Amino acid sequence: MLQIEAIHTYYGDSHILRGVDAVQASATSLGLLGRNGMGKTTLIRTLMGYVRPASGQVLLDGRNVTGWAPEKMARLGLGYVPEGRGIFPNLSVRENLLMSARAGIDGRRDWTFERVMHTFPRLTERLQHGGQQLSGGEQQMLSIGRALMTNPRLLILDEATEGLAPLIVAEIWRTIGAIRATGIATLIVDRDWRRVLAHTDQAIVMEKGQIALAAPSATLTAAPQRLEQVLGV
């Protein structure tokens, strides 16, 4: 489904991504690991079209979509839960969800407002609250729910559990597992590598803007020494 080929990305004179290659099949889950500042978010932002690469290609179903605008990438079925959540603070919970509601690229509407409410019952008590009135955990639920309302084929989660209380973190991971079980492909960035490996099929580790390690998640779980060395944990 998704193929990233020899991507080089700069921020000004800073060479951030250095020849990154990655592949993700439909309905699979890919973990993206690495210490802070290794290029994970830059890779996602390049994939989504927020940053244009200096060279290389992003292919979706074999189609070159390199540098396409984020709204075009969203129409192709990519749902994005950004680091920092990115909800609209001046809109209510209901408005945040309904403004993004649409059928997927295949016309399916599996993820409806009612299904999101069932998945995140906590939000049913906050429907009229503005985005800025929610707790951090509620904002994260809203951000994930909003992405699901687009009925994506690939859901990208960038640090979805960062800064949240342990009980909320556990709830978010349960939700990620449920989403994966529906057949939606997921690309997951998170600092908790053990949980990432438990919820993915494959994992890649970035170091200084390059892929330092790539393997099935089960392989890394069974022999984590190399992973721990790259991550510095």
Protein backbone atom coordinates (compact mmCIF):
# COMPACT_ATOMS: atom_id res chain seq x y z
CA MET A 1 0.00 0.00 0.00
CA LEU A 2 2.60 2.53 1.12
CA GLN A 3 6.17 2.75 -0.07
CA ILE A 4 8.79 5.34 0.90
CA GLU A 5 11.89 5.35 -1.29
CA ALA A 6 15.21 7.08 -0.56
CA ILE A 7 13.63 10.11 1.09
CA HIS A 8 15.90 13.05 1.92
CA THR A 9 14.34 15.95 3.80
CA TYR A 10 15.84 19.21 5.04
CA TYR A 11 14.78 21.93 7.45
CA GLY A 12 16.76 24.84 6.11
CA ASP A 13 20.38 23.69 6.05
CA SER A 14 19.71 20.82 8.46
CA HIS A 15 19.66 17.43 6.74
CA ILE A 16 17.02 15.55 8.75
CA LEU A 17 16.06 12.45 6.73
CA ARG A 18 18.92 10.70 4.97
CA GLY A 19 17.75 8.17 2.42
CA VAL A 20 14.84 6.64 4.33
CA ASP A 21 13.14 3.55 2.87
CA ALA A 22 10.03 1.91 4.30
CA VAL A 23 7.17 -0.30 3.12
CA GLN A 24 3.76 -0.97 4.64
CA ALA A 25 1.16 -3.39 3.31
CA SER A 26 -2.59 -2.90 3.54
CA ALA A 27 -4.26 -3.79 6.86
CA THR A 28 -0.93 -4.13 8.67
CA SER A 29 0.51 -2.21 11.60
CA LEU A 30 3.96 -0.62 11.51
CA GLY A 31 5.83 0.71 14.53
CA LEU A 32 8.18 3.68 14.12
CA LEU A 33 10.70 3.89 16.96
CA GLY A 34 13.69 6.03 17.84
CA ARG A 35 15.02 8.48 20.37
CA ASN A 36 13.93 12.12 20.30
CA GLY A 37 15.29 14.08 17.37
CA MET A 38 15.96 11.06 15.15
CA GLY A 39 13.48 12.12 12.42
CA LYS A 40 10.29 10.19 13.22
CA THR A 41 7.89 13.13 13.12
CA THR A 42 9.70 14.61 10.12
CA LEU A 43 9.16 11.34 8.27
CA ILE A 44 5.45 11.42 9.06
CA ARG A 45 5.15 15.09 8.08
CA THR A 46 6.97 14.33 4.82
CA LEU A 47 4.63 11.42 4.16
CA MET A 48 1.57 13.59 4.87
CA GLY A 49 2.76 16.44 2.66
CA TYR A 50 3.48 19.04 5.35
CA VAL A 51 7.15 18.94 4.39
CA ARG A 52 8.36 18.44 0.84
CA PRO A 53 11.39 16.14 0.48
CA ALA A 54 14.46 17.28 -1.40
CA SER A 55 14.59 13.90 -3.16
CA GLY A 56 13.00 10.47 -3.04
CA GLN A 57 9.44 9.27 -3.50
CA VAL A 58 6.30 8.52 -1.54
CA LEU A 59 4.14 5.94 -3.34
CA LEU A 60 0.59 4.97 -2.46
CA ASP A 61 -0.68 1.91 -4.34
CA GLY A 62 2.21 2.49 -6.73
CA ARG A 63 1.14 6.08 -7.42
CA ASN A 64 3.69 8.83 -6.87
CA VAL A 65 2.17 11.20 -4.30
CA THR A 66 5.41 12.88 -3.22
CA GLY A 67 4.78 16.35 -1.88
CA TRP A 68 1.02 16.24 -2.32
CA ALA A 69 -0.83 18.65 -0.04
CA PRO A 70 -2.08 17.23 3.28
CA GLU A 71 -5.73 17.59 2.27
CA LYS A 72 -5.08 15.49 -0.82
CA MET A 73 -3.35 12.83 1.24
CA ALA A 74 -6.35 12.80 3.58
CA ARG A 75 -8.67 12.25 0.60
CA LEU A 76 -6.54 9.24 -0.35
CA GLY A 77 -7.42 7.65 2.98
CA LEU A 78 -4.68 8.74 5.37
CA GLY A 79 -5.92 9.70 8.82
CA TYR A 80 -3.49 11.65 11.00
CA VAL A 81 -3.43 12.02 14.78
CA PRO A 82 -0.59 14.53 15.21
CA GLU A 83 1.71 15.01 18.14
CA GLY A 84 0.00 17.67 20.23
CA ARG A 85 -3.48 16.42 19.13
CA GLY A 86 -4.36 19.38 16.89
CA ILE A 87 -8.03 19.61 17.81
CA PHE A 88 -10.00 22.80 17.14
CA PRO A 89 -10.30 24.56 20.53
CA ASN A 90 -13.12 26.86 19.44
CA LEU A 91 -15.34 23.98 18.27
CA SER A 92 -17.34 21.67 20.50
CA VAL A 93 -16.59 17.97 20.73
CA ARG A 94 -19.57 17.25 18.49
CA GLU A 95 -18.44 19.83 15.93
CA ASN A 96 -14.85 18.54 15.93
CA LEU A 97 -16.16 15.09 15.04
CA LEU A 98 -18.90 15.97 12.57
CA MET A 99 -16.79 18.39 10.55
CA SER A 100 -14.49 15.53 9.57
CA ALA A 101 -17.18 12.90 8.87
CA ARG A 102 -17.03 11.41 5.40
CA ALA A 103 -16.96 8.10 3.59
CA GLY A 104 -13.69 6.31 2.98
CA ILE A 105 -12.14 6.10 -0.46
CA ASP A 106 -14.11 2.90 -1.09
CA GLY A 107 -17.37 4.55 -0.03
CA ARG A 108 -17.56 2.74 3.30
CA ARG A 109 -18.81 4.49 6.42
CA ASP A 110 -17.83 1.96 9.06
CA TRP A 111 -16.81 4.68 11.50
CA THR A 112 -19.86 6.77 12.31
CA PHE A 113 -20.50 9.32 15.04
CA GLU A 114 -22.33 6.65 17.02
CA ARG A 115 -19.44 4.20 16.74
CA VAL A 116 -16.93 6.80 17.91
CA MET A 117 -19.19 7.54 20.89
CA HIS A 118 -19.31 3.83 21.69
CA THR A 119 -15.51 3.61 21.42
CA PHE A 120 -14.97 6.70 23.59
CA PRO A 121 -17.94 6.84 25.98
CA ARG A 122 -16.16 9.51 27.99
CA LEU A 123 -16.75 11.94 25.11
CA THR A 124 -20.54 11.49 25.29
CA GLU A 125 -20.47 13.52 28.50
CA ARG A 126 -18.51 16.31 26.80
CA LEU A 127 -20.31 16.78 23.49
CA GLN A 128 -21.11 20.45 24.04
CA HIS A 129 -17.76 21.30 25.63
CA GLY A 130 -15.20 23.23 23.61
CA GLY A 131 -11.98 21.51 22.68
CA GLN A 132 -10.04 23.72 25.08
CA GLN A 133 -12.22 22.56 27.98
CA LEU A 134 -11.18 18.93 27.73
CA SER A 135 -8.49 17.16 29.70
CA GLY A 136 -5.40 15.91 27.87
CA GLY A 137 -6.76 12.37 27.71
CA GLU A 138 -10.13 13.56 26.40
CA GLN A 139 -8.41 15.68 23.76
CA GLN A 140 -6.45 12.62 22.63
CA MET A 141 -9.63 10.56 22.38
CA LEU A 142 -11.22 13.35 20.37
CA SER A 143 -8.22 13.56 18.04
CA ILE A 144 -8.33 9.81 17.37
CA GLY A 145 -12.11 9.86 16.98
CA ARG A 146 -11.93 12.74 14.53
CA ALA A 147 -9.42 10.84 12.38
CA LEU A 148 -11.60 7.72 12.47
CA MET A 149 -14.58 9.75 11.26
CA THR A 150 -12.76 10.10 7.92
CA ASN A 151 -12.91 6.28 7.59
CA PRO A 152 -9.19 6.04 6.81
CA ARG A 153 -7.36 3.11 5.30
CA LEU A 154 -4.21 4.10 7.20
CA LEU A 155 -4.28 5.73 10.63
CA ILE A 156 -1.07 7.50 11.68
CA LEU A 157 -0.63 8.04 15.42
CA ASP A 158 2.26 10.27 16.48
CA GLU A 159 2.91 9.98 20.23
CA ALA A 160 -0.74 9.27 21.03
CA THR A 161 -0.04 8.54 24.72
CA GLU A 162 2.44 11.30 25.49
CA GLY A 163 1.84 13.09 28.78
CA LEU A 164 -1.25 11.10 29.72
CA ALA A 165 -2.11 9.42 33.02
CA PRO A 166 -1.48 5.64 33.16
CA LEU A 167 -5.17 4.72 33.14
CA ILE A 168 -5.78 6.86 30.05
CA VAL A 169 -2.68 5.42 28.39
CA ALA A 170 -4.04 1.91 28.91
CA GLU A 171 -7.37 2.97 27.43
CA ILE A 172 -5.70 4.48 24.36
CA TRP A 173 -3.72 1.28 23.75
CA ARG A 174 -6.89 -0.81 24.07
CA THR A 175 -8.49 1.43 21.47
CA ILE A 176 -5.49 1.09 19.15
CA GLY A 177 -5.79 -2.68 19.42
CA ALA A 178 -9.50 -2.51 18.59
CA ILE A 179 -8.83 -0.26 15.58
CA ARG A 180 -6.18 -2.65 14.31
CA ALA A 181 -8.63 -5.55 14.61
CA THR A 182 -11.04 -3.79 12.22
CA GLY A 183 -8.52 -4.02 9.38
CA ILE A 184 -7.39 -0.40 9.34
CA ALA A 185 -3.63 -0.16 8.79
CA THR A 186 -1.82 1.76 11.52
CA LEU A 187 1.50 3.56 11.71
CA ILE A 188 2.39 4.08 15.36
CA VAL A 189 5.02 6.33 16.94
CA ASP A 190 5.40 6.02 20.70
CA ARG A 191 8.16 5.99 23.30
CA ASP A 192 6.92 2.78 24.90
CA TRP A 193 8.61 0.37 22.53
CA ARG A 194 7.27 -2.70 24.31
CA ARG A 195 3.68 -1.64 23.71
CA VAL A 196 4.46 -0.57 20.16
CA LEU A 197 5.85 -4.04 19.41
CA ALA A 198 2.81 -5.67 21.04
CA HIS A 199 0.47 -3.75 18.71
CA THR A 200 2.35 -3.98 15.41
CA ASP A 201 3.38 -6.49 12.78
CA GLN A 202 6.64 -4.82 11.77
CA ALA A 203 8.84 -2.15 13.34
CA ILE A 204 11.56 0.18 12.13
CA VAL A 205 13.97 2.14 14.29
CA MET A 206 15.37 5.50 13.20
CA GLU A 207 18.76 6.83 14.18
CA LYS A 208 20.12 10.16 12.95
CA GLY A 209 17.61 10.36 10.12
CA GLN A 210 18.21 6.83 8.81
CA ILE A 211 16.68 3.40 9.31
CA ALA A 212 18.98 1.68 11.77
CA LEU A 213 16.89 -1.44 12.29
CA ALA A 214 13.88 -3.07 10.65
CA ALA A 215 12.34 -6.41 11.61
CA PRO A 216 9.09 -8.16 12.48
CA SER A 217 7.83 -6.92 15.85
CA ALA A 218 7.74 -10.46 17.22
CA THR A 219 11.43 -10.90 16.39
CA LEU A 220 12.38 -7.74 18.26
CA THR A 221 10.21 -8.73 21.21
CA ALA A 222 11.94 -12.11 21.46
CA ALA A 223 15.47 -10.66 21.22
CA PRO A 224 15.37 -7.01 22.28
CA GLN A 225 19.08 -6.52 22.92
CA ARG A 226 19.79 -4.86 19.57
CA LEU A 227 16.71 -2.68 19.89
CA GLU A 228 17.72 -1.55 23.36
CA GLN A 229 21.18 -0.71 22.07
CA VAL A 230 19.82 1.47 19.25
CA LEU A 231 17.26 3.16 21.48
CA GLY A 232 19.74 3.70 24.29
CA VAL A 233 17.48 2.21 26.96
